[in-house]
Protein backbone atom coordinates (compact mmCIF):
# COMPACT_ATOMS: atom_id res chain seq x y z
CA UNK A 1 -49.85 2.98 -3.50
CA UNK A 2 -49.72 1.83 -6.62
CA UNK A 3 -47.02 1.68 -8.75
CA UNK A 4 -48.79 4.11 -11.67
CA UNK A 5 -49.24 6.57 -8.56
CA UNK A 6 -45.40 6.25 -7.59
CA UNK A 7 -44.35 6.83 -10.99
CA UNK A 8 -46.55 10.14 -11.61
CA UNK A 9 -45.59 11.23 -7.87
CA UNK A 10 -41.88 11.47 -8.26
CA UNK A 11 -42.37 12.53 -12.34
CA UNK A 12 -44.19 15.92 -10.48
CA UNK A 13 -41.69 16.02 -7.53
CA UNK A 14 -38.81 15.81 -10.63
CA UNK A 15 -40.89 18.34 -13.09
CA UNK A 16 -41.41 21.10 -9.95
CA UNK A 17 -37.81 20.57 -9.08
CA UNK A 18 -36.00 21.42 -12.54
CA UNK A 19 -38.47 24.38 -12.60
CA UNK A 20 -37.48 25.97 -9.22
CA UNK A 21 -34.35 25.34 -10.26
CA UNK A 22 -34.13 27.28 -13.32
CA UNK A 23 -35.83 29.84 -11.48
CA UNK A 24 -33.26 30.20 -8.79
CA UNK A 25 -30.55 29.88 -11.33
CA UNK A 26 -32.26 32.72 -13.96
CA UNK A 27 -32.52 35.00 -10.68
CA UNK A 28 -28.44 34.37 -9.49
CA UNK A 29 -27.25 34.74 -13.15
CA UNK A 30 -29.27 38.24 -13.65
CA UNK A 31 -28.17 39.21 -10.19
CA UNK A 32 -24.40 40.58 -11.18
CA UNK A 33 -25.60 42.31 -14.10
CA UNK A 34 -23.97 45.41 -14.01
CA UNK A 35 -21.98 45.34 -11.16
CA UNK A 36 -18.45 44.35 -13.34
CA UNK A 37 -15.53 46.39 -12.32
CA UNK A 38 -14.93 48.78 -15.54
CA UNK A 39 -18.77 49.60 -16.73
CA UNK A 40 -20.54 52.74 -16.26
CA UNK A 41 -22.27 51.63 -13.35
CA UNK A 42 -19.26 50.79 -11.60
CA UNK A 43 -16.04 51.97 -13.01
CA UNK A 44 -12.06 51.73 -12.19
CA UNK A 45 -10.62 54.87 -10.90
CA UNK A 46 -6.66 55.40 -10.02
CA UNK A 47 -5.29 56.04 -6.81
CA UNK A 48 -3.95 59.35 -7.37
CA UNK A 49 -7.82 60.09 -8.28
CA UNK A 50 -9.28 59.13 -5.14
CA UNK A 51 -6.54 60.76 -2.94
CA UNK A 52 -7.23 64.05 -5.03
CA UNK A 53 -10.95 63.27 -4.31
CA UNK A 54 -10.21 62.97 -0.43
CA UNK A 55 -8.10 65.87 -0.24
CA UNK A 56 -10.70 67.82 -2.04
CA UNK A 57 -13.28 66.65 0.70
CA UNK A 58 -11.25 67.43 3.20
CA UNK A 59 -9.89 70.36 2.66
CA UNK A 60 -12.58 71.91 0.48
CA UNK A 61 -10.21 73.18 -2.32
CA UNK A 62 -8.71 72.14 -5.52
CA UNK A 63 -5.85 69.78 -5.22
CA UNK A 64 -2.96 69.82 -7.84
CA UNK A 65 -1.86 66.24 -9.16
CA UNK A 66 0.24 64.06 -7.17
CA UNK A 67 3.41 64.43 -9.80
CA UNK A 68 3.18 68.32 -9.55
CA UNK A 69 3.99 68.07 -5.14
CA UNK A 70 7.40 68.71 -4.53
CA UNK A 71 9.13 65.95 -2.45
CA UNK A 72 9.96 66.37 1.26
CA UNK A 73 13.54 68.34 1.51
CA UNK A 74 15.82 67.05 4.45
CA UNK A 75 16.84 69.24 7.18
CA UNK A 76 20.12 69.22 8.76
CA UNK A 77 21.31 70.53 11.94
CA UNK A 78 24.06 73.18 11.91
CA UNK A 79 27.81 72.82 11.92
CA UNK A 80 29.61 73.39 14.75
CA UNK A 81 33.79 73.44 15.41
CA UNK A 82 33.29 71.31 18.59
CA UNK A 83 32.65 68.10 18.15
CA UNK A 84 30.62 67.29 21.62
CA UNK A 85 27.87 70.26 20.52
CA UNK A 86 24.47 69.60 20.88
CA UNK A 87 22.12 70.54 18.51
CA UNK A 88 18.51 70.58 18.40
CA UNK A 89 15.95 69.91 16.13
CA UNK A 90 12.27 69.67 16.32
CA UNK A 91 10.05 68.64 13.44
CA UNK A 92 7.24 71.14 12.07
CA UNK A 93 3.73 69.47 12.38
CA UNK A 94 1.98 68.39 9.53
CA UNK A 95 -1.75 68.84 8.63
CA UNK A 96 -3.75 66.72 10.54
CA UNK A 97 -2.55 67.01 13.89
CA UNK A 98 0.59 64.49 13.64
CA UNK A 99 4.48 65.26 13.14
CA UNK A 100 6.29 64.79 10.25
CA UNK A 101 9.41 62.29 10.08
CA UNK A 102 12.69 63.47 9.71
CA UNK A 103 15.54 61.67 8.89
CA UNK A 104 18.86 61.69 10.94
CA UNK A 105 22.27 60.39 10.53
CA UNK A 106 23.68 59.80 14.10
CA UNK A 107 27.70 58.91 14.34
CA UNK A 108 29.35 57.16 16.31
CA UNK A 109 29.61 58.83 19.79
CA UNK A 110 27.03 60.66 19.75
CA UNK A 111 23.26 60.31 21.37
CA UNK A 112 19.91 61.21 20.09
CA UNK A 113 17.96 62.28 22.70
CA UNK A 114 13.95 61.74 22.37
CA UNK A 115 11.50 64.19 23.48
CA UNK A 116 8.93 62.96 25.27
CA UNK A 117 6.77 61.19 22.77
CA UNK A 118 8.53 61.12 20.44
CA UNK A 119 9.81 57.69 17.84
CA UNK A 120 12.82 56.25 16.18
CA UNK A 121 12.95 53.95 13.56
CA UNK A 122 16.75 52.76 13.38
CA UNK A 123 16.96 51.89 9.84
CA UNK A 124 20.48 51.57 9.27
CA UNK A 125 23.73 50.53 12.07
CA UNK A 126 23.93 49.23 15.37
CA UNK A 127 21.93 50.93 18.02
CA UNK A 128 22.04 50.57 21.77
CA UNK A 129 19.11 52.25 24.51
CA UNK A 130 20.73 55.01 26.36
CA UNK A 131 18.29 55.90 29.33
CA UNK A 132 19.49 58.03 32.62
CA UNK A 133 17.20 55.83 34.68
CA UNK A 134 15.95 52.42 35.14
CA UNK A 135 12.96 52.34 32.76
CA UNK A 136 13.56 51.60 29.22
CA UNK A 137 11.36 52.23 25.92
CA UNK A 138 8.88 50.66 24.35
CA UNK A 139 9.88 48.87 21.32
CA UNK A 140 5.99 48.78 19.67
CA UNK A 141 6.50 46.16 17.13
CA UNK A 142 7.60 43.43 19.49
CA UNK A 143 5.42 44.71 22.43
CA UNK A 144 9.23 44.85 25.06
CA UNK A 145 10.57 47.13 27.21
CA UNK A 146 14.14 47.96 26.42
CA UNK A 147 16.62 48.67 29.47
CA UNK A 148 19.78 50.86 29.47
CA UNK A 149 22.33 49.44 27.07
CA UNK A 150 20.26 46.77 25.47
CA UNK A 151 20.48 46.70 21.48
CA UNK A 152 17.94 48.35 19.68
CA UNK A 153 16.60 46.36 16.92
CA UNK A 154 16.36 47.82 12.88
CA UNK A 155 13.17 48.58 11.25
CA UNK A 156 11.93 48.17 14.80
CA UNK A 157 9.40 51.10 16.02
CA UNK A 158 10.50 52.43 19.45
CA UNK A 159 8.50 54.60 21.38
CA UNK A 160 9.68 57.55 23.82
CA UNK A 161 7.26 58.61 26.48
CA UNK A 162 9.78 60.58 28.33
CA UNK A 163 12.74 63.09 27.96
CA UNK A 164 16.19 62.18 28.65
CA UNK A 165 16.02 58.71 26.62
CA UNK A 166 17.36 58.10 23.13
CA UNK A 167 19.53 55.11 21.62
CA UNK A 168 23.48 55.81 20.95
CA UNK A 169 25.66 53.91 18.03
CA UNK A 170 26.86 50.59 19.55
CA UNK A 171 30.76 50.11 20.71
CA UNK A 172 33.31 49.47 18.69
CA UNK A 173 30.91 50.39 15.15
CA UNK A 174 32.69 52.82 12.81
CA UNK A 175 30.06 53.40 10.83
CA UNK A 176 26.55 56.01 12.19
CA UNK A 177 23.17 55.09 12.57
CA UNK A 178 20.30 56.28 10.33
CA UNK A 179 17.52 56.62 12.04
CA UNK A 180 13.83 58.34 10.96
CA UNK A 181 12.39 60.33 13.81
CA UNK A 182 8.91 61.57 14.52
CA UNK A 183 8.78 64.26 17.65
CA UNK A 184 11.10 66.16 19.02
CA UNK A 185 14.70 65.24 19.50
CA UNK A 186 18.45 66.33 20.54
CA UNK A 187 21.73 65.07 18.99
CA UNK A 188 24.85 65.60 21.68
């Protein structure tokens, strides 16, 4: 092949490559026009607005703004004269089929017994597992089975599959426990 043909062929290939690249580049630059956040095509919305719209869609009614909602009121167990008295509480079901969480204070010497299917999270204090049988309590955070007398870690989700299992304050502790409870429970 003659050198003139080689130079002409190279120039045509170079020009064709530049032309094809400019078309692809212009197409890619124009692809995102109008999709910028905050434009009329893609408005920026707040979390409260999204929450309101979801509630409207789920319930089909107008929902007040989140600032107008009341905070949950903590429930308390009835006071009794004897320190070994039993107080039973079971939170009312919330919408959506679940149950509401309540905060329970467990004093030294008391035992928090779970109903079947209840869940506890020890938020403060040192707790130990209480069971009357050989089976334990499921620590869903670590994937462990905690048996009677083992320490219950704080901020771990504990699942109680059957009645009669619970937690108590570790021996030697002068402060009680603060436990977040979902489901039924008995404080003994």
